Amino acid sequence: MKILKCFLLLVFGQLFLINNSLFAQAINPDTVKTGIYVTSIHDINFKDKEYTVNFWLWLKYKNKDFNFVDNLELPQAKTVTKSFSTIDTSGNEVYLLMKLQCVMKDSWAIDNFPFDHQTLRLSIENSQFDAQSLIFVPDTLGKQFDPRFTLRGWNIDSLKASSGIKIYETAFGDPSVKAPHTEYSSFKVKIGLSRDAFGLFWKMFLGMYVAFLIAYMCFYIHSDSIDSRFGLSVGSLFAVIGNKYIIDGSLPESTTFTLVDTLHGITLIFILIVIVSTAFSLKMIKKGNVEKANRFDRIFSIGLLIIYILLNIFFILSAINS
């Protein structure tokens, strides 16, 4: 009897250990160590909300059932072109190296354009295995982008790689899944960019400032030349509106009030003030107060220019520092 009890205890102990091992495997998905090295970012298209990125991607894992060559997925990618791939299975783990070129879709923050800071995002998933079977672990050893490549007009401030869980509120038609909820592991990359903006700023807004200065010159035209003053002001008004439409044509649609809208709005209002002040001078001239009208133009022009310059400086510095 003692021998039988010992035998049963040994059998149950082995079953218990096997059960714990299977349970541990069930709750501990295989890890995939993933790294990225960005070699180029180009063709940033603000209007179509796209950019192109070239990068090397490597994955190291032990489960040979993972097929990243055929089942690698980039959810935000418009197109994915694989120019090179190699796989090494000679050791205890699989080592896969690929070079990819992707046209990515993304959203842009244009509130402070052209002094904007953008965050480019890309993520990688495996469409074959969910988060219960596969978890990405970032490989952050060494640099993650080539510091020598030139991104024209932009500076790369940061590149951060991380992992997370992407939730899909669907079962993808699988009848074995009771709730419409699926989770996939995701390898995420965020690239922070800032723009070299001052050259672009003057290129885009120089016409607007010239139009305002033309309208402002009305204060230095004699009060008797009312037709000339009105003509210059109204012409400047339409020049600013045309300049705004040209800039808006190169930007995506936005429901917020951007820096472009603010600066053009201020300029339009101040040109309108110039027109109103011209009408006020005309009223004084018709009453015979020519000297009074000239004095009004001198004093009012100085105050108007100072306020206009200060408002522009304030909103531009706010955009730069935000």
Protein backbone atom coordinates (compact mmCIF):
# COMPACT_ATOMS: atom_id res chain seq x y z
CA MET A 1 0.00 0.00 0.00
CA LYS A 2 2.80 2.41 0.83
CA ILE A 3 4.43 1.68 -2.52
CA LEU A 4 1.09 2.30 -4.30
CA LYS A 5 0.60 5.62 -2.46
CA CYS A 6 4.11 6.75 -3.36
CA PHE A 7 3.51 5.79 -6.98
CA LEU A 8 0.22 7.73 -7.09
CA LEU A 9 1.83 10.75 -5.48
CA LEU A 10 4.63 10.64 -8.05
CA VAL A 11 2.15 10.41 -10.94
CA PHE A 12 0.03 13.28 -9.64
CA GLY A 13 3.16 15.36 -9.05
CA GLN A 14 4.28 14.84 -12.63
CA LEU A 15 0.82 15.72 -13.93
CA PHE A 16 0.83 18.84 -11.80
CA LEU A 17 4.21 19.94 -13.17
CA ILE A 18 3.13 19.26 -16.77
CA ASN A 19 -0.09 21.19 -16.24
CA ASN A 20 1.79 24.17 -14.77
CA SER A 21 4.22 24.11 -17.66
CA LEU A 22 1.41 24.15 -20.23
CA PHE A 23 -0.37 26.93 -18.33
CA ALA A 24 2.80 29.00 -18.20
CA GLN A 25 3.24 28.57 -21.94
CA ALA A 26 -0.35 29.67 -22.46
CA ILE A 27 0.00 32.85 -20.47
CA ASN A 28 3.56 33.67 -21.61
CA PRO A 29 3.54 34.37 -25.35
CA ASP A 30 6.73 34.11 -27.36
CA THR A 31 8.71 37.33 -27.59
CA VAL A 32 10.09 38.86 -30.79
CA LYS A 33 12.99 41.24 -30.27
CA THR A 34 12.54 43.96 -32.89
CA GLY A 35 14.79 46.79 -34.01
CA ILE A 36 14.69 49.50 -36.65
CA TYR A 37 17.22 51.75 -38.38
CA VAL A 38 15.79 54.57 -40.50
CA THR A 39 17.97 55.47 -43.49
CA SER A 40 15.78 58.07 -45.22
CA ILE A 41 12.60 60.11 -44.86
CA HIS A 42 11.50 62.02 -47.95
CA ASP A 43 8.57 63.10 -50.13
CA ILE A 44 6.68 64.66 -47.22
CA ASN A 45 3.37 65.61 -48.82
CA PHE A 46 1.30 67.96 -46.67
CA LYS A 47 -1.64 68.14 -49.05
CA ASP A 48 -2.12 64.36 -49.33
CA LYS A 49 -0.93 63.64 -45.76
CA GLU A 50 1.80 61.23 -46.86
CA TYR A 51 5.51 60.62 -46.43
CA THR A 52 8.00 57.99 -47.61
CA VAL A 53 10.39 56.22 -45.24
CA ASN A 54 13.21 53.75 -45.92
CA PHE A 55 14.41 51.59 -43.05
CA TRP A 56 16.07 48.35 -42.02
CA LEU A 57 14.00 46.06 -39.78
CA TRP A 58 15.32 43.07 -37.87
CA LEU A 59 13.46 40.49 -35.79
CA LYS A 60 14.89 37.80 -33.49
CA TYR A 61 12.69 35.02 -32.12
CA LYS A 62 12.72 31.30 -31.23
CA ASN A 63 9.34 30.16 -32.53
CA LYS A 64 9.98 29.03 -36.10
CA ASP A 65 6.25 29.03 -36.83
CA PHE A 66 6.34 32.83 -37.03
CA ASN A 67 6.38 33.84 -40.69
CA PHE A 68 7.19 37.54 -40.79
CA VAL A 69 8.26 37.44 -44.43
CA ASP A 70 4.67 36.83 -45.56
CA ASN A 71 2.69 38.08 -42.55
CA LEU A 72 4.37 41.36 -41.64
CA GLU A 73 1.77 44.15 -41.53
CA LEU A 74 2.13 47.94 -41.35
CA PRO A 75 -1.41 49.25 -40.64
CA GLN A 76 -0.80 52.90 -41.67
CA ALA A 77 1.13 52.07 -44.84
CA LYS A 78 -0.24 52.97 -48.25
CA THR A 79 2.37 50.85 -50.03
CA VAL A 80 5.16 48.55 -48.76
CA THR A 81 8.11 47.60 -50.96
CA LYS A 82 10.56 44.97 -49.74
CA SER A 83 13.93 45.43 -51.45
CA PHE A 84 15.94 42.92 -49.41
CA SER A 85 15.42 40.16 -46.85
CA THR A 86 17.60 37.47 -45.32
CA ILE A 87 16.87 34.87 -42.65
CA ASP A 88 19.28 32.89 -40.46
CA THR A 89 17.96 29.78 -38.64
CA SER A 90 21.31 28.16 -37.85
CA GLY A 91 21.34 29.05 -34.14
CA ASN A 92 18.88 28.69 -31.28
CA GLU A 93 16.81 31.57 -32.62
CA VAL A 94 15.66 32.90 -35.96
CA TYR A 95 17.27 36.13 -37.19
CA LEU A 96 15.36 37.98 -39.93
CA LEU A 97 16.67 41.16 -41.58
CA MET A 98 14.66 43.19 -44.11
CA LYS A 99 14.97 46.51 -45.90
CA LEU A 100 11.64 48.22 -46.56
CA GLN A 101 10.37 51.34 -48.30
CA CYS A 102 6.92 52.46 -47.17
CA VAL A 103 4.60 55.24 -48.24
CA MET A 104 2.85 56.10 -44.99
CA LYS A 105 -0.41 57.92 -44.34
CA ASP A 106 -0.43 60.22 -41.35
CA SER A 107 -2.13 63.30 -39.98
CA TRP A 108 -0.40 66.67 -39.68
CA ALA A 109 -0.58 69.28 -36.93
CA ILE A 110 -0.74 72.53 -38.94
CA ASP A 111 -1.95 74.95 -36.25
CA ASN A 112 1.51 76.55 -36.07
CA PHE A 113 2.55 76.12 -39.71
CA PRO A 114 5.25 76.86 -40.84
CA PHE A 115 6.74 76.71 -37.32
CA ASP A 116 5.17 73.29 -36.80
CA HIS A 117 6.49 70.18 -35.07
CA GLN A 118 5.36 66.87 -36.52
CA THR A 119 5.32 63.32 -35.18
CA LEU A 120 5.59 60.61 -37.82
CA ARG A 121 4.21 57.25 -36.73
CA LEU A 122 4.60 53.73 -38.03
CA SER A 123 3.69 50.44 -36.40
CA ILE A 124 4.37 46.79 -37.19
CA GLU A 125 2.14 43.81 -36.46
CA ASN A 126 1.98 40.13 -37.33
CA SER A 127 -1.32 39.21 -38.96
CA GLN A 128 -0.81 35.49 -38.24
CA PHE A 129 -0.57 35.50 -34.43
CA ASP A 130 -2.37 37.63 -31.84
CA ALA A 131 -1.04 38.95 -28.53
CA GLN A 132 -1.65 35.63 -26.76
CA SER A 133 1.03 34.03 -28.93
CA LEU A 134 3.40 36.85 -29.86
CA ILE A 135 4.74 39.94 -28.11
CA PHE A 136 7.16 42.48 -29.59
CA VAL A 137 10.10 43.66 -27.48
CA PRO A 138 12.02 46.75 -28.76
CA ASP A 139 15.72 46.40 -29.50
CA THR A 140 17.02 49.90 -28.73
CA LEU A 141 20.76 49.19 -28.67
CA GLY A 142 22.67 51.76 -30.75
CA LYS A 143 21.32 54.52 -32.98
CA GLN A 144 17.95 54.09 -34.66
CA PHE A 145 18.37 56.51 -37.56
CA ASP A 146 21.18 57.64 -39.84
CA PRO A 147 22.36 61.08 -38.59
CA ARG A 148 24.07 61.77 -41.93
CA PHE A 149 21.04 61.73 -44.19
CA THR A 150 19.54 65.10 -45.01
CA LEU A 151 15.82 65.68 -44.65
CA ARG A 152 15.48 68.92 -46.58
CA GLY A 153 13.90 71.66 -44.51
CA TRP A 154 13.46 69.47 -41.42
CA ASN A 155 15.39 68.35 -38.34
CA ILE A 156 14.93 64.98 -36.64
CA ASP A 157 14.48 65.70 -32.93
CA SER A 158 13.84 62.17 -31.69
CA LEU A 159 13.07 58.58 -32.64
CA LYS A 160 11.39 56.41 -30.04
CA ALA A 161 10.60 52.71 -30.40
CA SER A 162 8.14 50.98 -28.08
CA SER A 163 5.71 48.08 -27.98
CA GLY A 164 2.04 47.92 -27.12
CA ILE A 165 -1.24 46.14 -27.68
CA LYS A 166 -3.49 47.08 -30.60
CA ILE A 167 -7.16 46.33 -29.88
CA TYR A 168 -9.58 45.44 -32.66
CA GLU A 169 -13.25 45.37 -31.69
CA THR A 170 -13.98 42.50 -34.05
CA ALA A 171 -13.47 38.75 -34.24
CA PHE A 172 -12.61 38.94 -37.96
CA GLY A 173 -15.39 36.41 -38.65
CA ASP A 174 -13.87 33.69 -36.47
CA PRO A 175 -16.81 31.64 -35.01
CA SER A 176 -14.62 30.28 -32.21
CA VAL A 177 -14.22 33.77 -30.73
CA LYS A 178 -17.26 34.60 -28.63
CA ALA A 179 -16.71 38.33 -28.08
CA PRO A 180 -15.89 40.76 -30.93
CA HIS A 181 -12.54 41.63 -29.36
CA THR A 182 -9.05 40.78 -30.64
CA GLU A 183 -5.67 41.95 -29.43
CA TYR A 184 -2.44 42.05 -31.44
CA SER A 185 1.02 43.03 -30.28
CA SER A 186 2.38 46.13 -32.00
CA PHE A 187 5.91 47.50 -32.46
CA LYS A 188 5.59 51.30 -32.57
CA VAL A 189 7.97 53.95 -33.85
CA LYS A 190 7.53 57.70 -33.33
CA ILE A 191 9.78 60.16 -35.17
CA GLY A 192 9.76 63.77 -33.97
CA LEU A 193 10.48 66.42 -36.62
CA SER A 194 10.87 70.19 -36.45
CA ARG A 195 10.99 72.48 -39.48
CA ASP A 196 13.66 74.99 -40.52
CA ALA A 197 10.91 77.54 -40.94
CA PHE A 198 12.19 81.09 -41.34
CA GLY A 199 13.10 80.83 -45.01
CA LEU A 200 9.73 79.22 -45.79
CA PHE A 201 7.94 81.79 -43.64
CA TRP A 202 9.28 84.76 -45.60
CA LYS A 203 8.70 82.97 -48.88
CA MET A 204 5.02 82.46 -48.05
CA PHE A 205 4.21 85.67 -46.16
CA LEU A 206 6.35 88.26 -47.92
CA GLY A 207 3.54 89.06 -50.37
CA MET A 208 1.12 89.61 -47.49
CA TYR A 209 3.45 92.05 -45.71
CA VAL A 210 4.19 93.93 -48.92
CA ALA A 211 0.45 94.29 -49.52
CA PHE A 212 -0.01 95.68 -46.00
CA LEU A 213 2.86 98.16 -46.47
CA ILE A 214 1.31 99.36 -49.74
CA ALA A 215 -1.95 99.98 -47.91
CA TYR A 216 -0.02 101.64 -45.06
CA MET A 217 1.62 104.07 -47.52
CA CYS A 218 -1.80 105.66 -47.93
CA PHE A 219 -1.08 107.64 -44.76
CA TYR A 220 1.80 109.37 -46.60
CA ILE A 221 -0.31 110.36 -49.60
CA HIS A 222 -1.80 113.83 -49.28
CA SER A 223 -5.34 113.83 -47.95
CA ASP A 224 -6.58 115.51 -51.11
CA SER A 225 -5.73 112.38 -53.18
CA ILE A 226 -8.59 110.31 -51.78
CA ASP A 227 -9.01 108.21 -54.92
CA SER A 228 -5.38 107.06 -54.80
CA ARG A 229 -5.64 106.18 -51.12
CA PHE A 230 -8.80 104.14 -51.58
CA GLY A 231 -7.41 102.43 -54.68
CA LEU A 232 -4.21 101.30 -52.95
CA SER A 233 -6.09 100.04 -49.87
CA VAL A 234 -8.68 98.03 -51.79
CA GLY A 235 -5.98 96.57 -54.08
CA SER A 236 -3.95 95.49 -51.05
CA LEU A 237 -7.02 93.89 -49.52
CA PHE A 238 -7.49 91.60 -52.53
CA ALA A 239 -3.74 90.86 -52.68
CA VAL A 240 -3.81 89.52 -49.09
CA ILE A 241 -6.88 87.38 -49.84
CA GLY A 242 -5.13 85.95 -52.92
CA ASN A 243 -1.98 85.20 -50.91
CA LYS A 244 -4.02 83.31 -48.33
CA TYR A 245 -5.73 81.16 -50.96
CA ILE A 246 -2.34 80.25 -52.45
CA ILE A 247 -1.00 79.11 -49.05
CA ASP A 248 -4.20 77.22 -48.18
CA GLY A 249 -3.88 75.34 -51.48
CA SER A 250 -0.68 73.67 -50.25
CA LEU A 251 -2.08 72.65 -46.85
CA PRO A 252 -4.59 69.99 -45.81
CA GLU A 253 -8.03 71.13 -44.71
CA SER A 254 -8.29 72.15 -41.08
CA THR A 255 -11.22 73.06 -38.84
CA THR A 256 -8.98 74.96 -36.40
CA PHE A 257 -7.77 78.56 -36.63
CA THR A 258 -4.14 78.23 -37.68
CA LEU A 259 -1.24 80.70 -37.61
CA VAL A 260 -1.78 81.25 -41.35
CA ASP A 261 -5.39 82.23 -40.67
CA THR A 262 -4.38 84.46 -37.74
CA LEU A 263 -1.72 86.47 -39.58
CA HIS A 264 -3.87 86.94 -42.68
CA GLY A 265 -6.88 87.82 -40.53
CA ILE A 266 -4.91 90.47 -38.63
CA THR A 267 -3.60 91.93 -41.89
CA LEU A 268 -7.08 92.09 -43.44
CA ILE A 269 -8.47 93.81 -40.34
CA PHE A 270 -5.67 96.38 -40.29
CA ILE A 271 -6.09 97.14 -44.01
CA LEU A 272 -9.80 97.61 -43.29
CA ILE A 273 -8.83 100.01 -40.50
CA VAL A 274 -6.67 101.92 -43.02
CA ILE A 275 -9.72 102.24 -45.32
CA VAL A 276 -11.91 103.41 -42.42
CA SER A 277 -9.27 105.96 -41.34
CA THR A 278 -9.09 107.22 -44.94
CA ALA A 279 -12.85 107.74 -44.92
CA PHE A 280 -12.52 109.59 -41.61
CA SER A 281 -9.81 111.87 -43.08
CA LEU A 282 -12.04 112.55 -46.08
CA LYS A 283 -14.85 113.58 -43.74
CA MET A 284 -12.55 116.06 -41.96
CA ILE A 285 -11.33 117.47 -45.28
CA LYS A 286 -14.89 118.08 -46.45
CA LYS A 287 -15.42 120.08 -43.27
CA GLY A 288 -12.36 122.18 -44.10
CA ASN A 289 -10.10 120.68 -41.42
CA VAL A 290 -7.17 119.81 -43.71
CA GLU A 291 -4.47 120.36 -41.09
CA LYS A 292 -6.41 118.32 -38.56
CA ALA A 293 -6.76 115.48 -41.09
CA ASN A 294 -2.99 115.49 -41.77
CA ARG A 295 -2.21 115.43 -38.04
CA PHE A 296 -4.65 112.52 -37.58
CA ASP A 297 -2.92 110.56 -40.35
CA ARG A 298 0.55 111.08 -38.82
CA ILE A 299 -0.41 110.04 -35.28
CA PHE A 300 -2.77 107.24 -36.27
CA SER A 301 -0.27 105.71 -38.75
CA ILE A 302 2.45 105.37 -36.08
CA GLY A 303 0.09 103.70 -33.57
CA LEU A 304 -1.35 101.37 -36.21
CA LEU A 305 2.07 100.19 -37.40
CA ILE A 306 3.33 99.56 -33.85
CA ILE A 307 0.27 97.53 -32.89
CA TYR A 308 0.44 95.51 -36.14
CA ILE A 309 4.10 94.66 -35.63
CA LEU A 310 3.60 93.70 -31.96
CA LEU A 311 0.66 91.43 -32.79
CA ASN A 312 2.66 89.65 -35.49
CA ILE A 313 5.63 89.17 -33.18
CA PHE A 314 3.38 87.82 -30.40
CA PHE A 315 1.62 85.20 -32.54
CA ILE A 316 4.80 84.14 -34.34
CA LEU A 317 6.74 83.67 -31.08
CA SER A 318 3.79 81.76 -29.59
CA ALA A 319 3.88 79.39 -32.57
CA ILE A 320 7.65 78.92 -32.33
CA ASN A 321 7.58 78.17 -28.59
CA SER A 322 4.53 75.89 -28.58
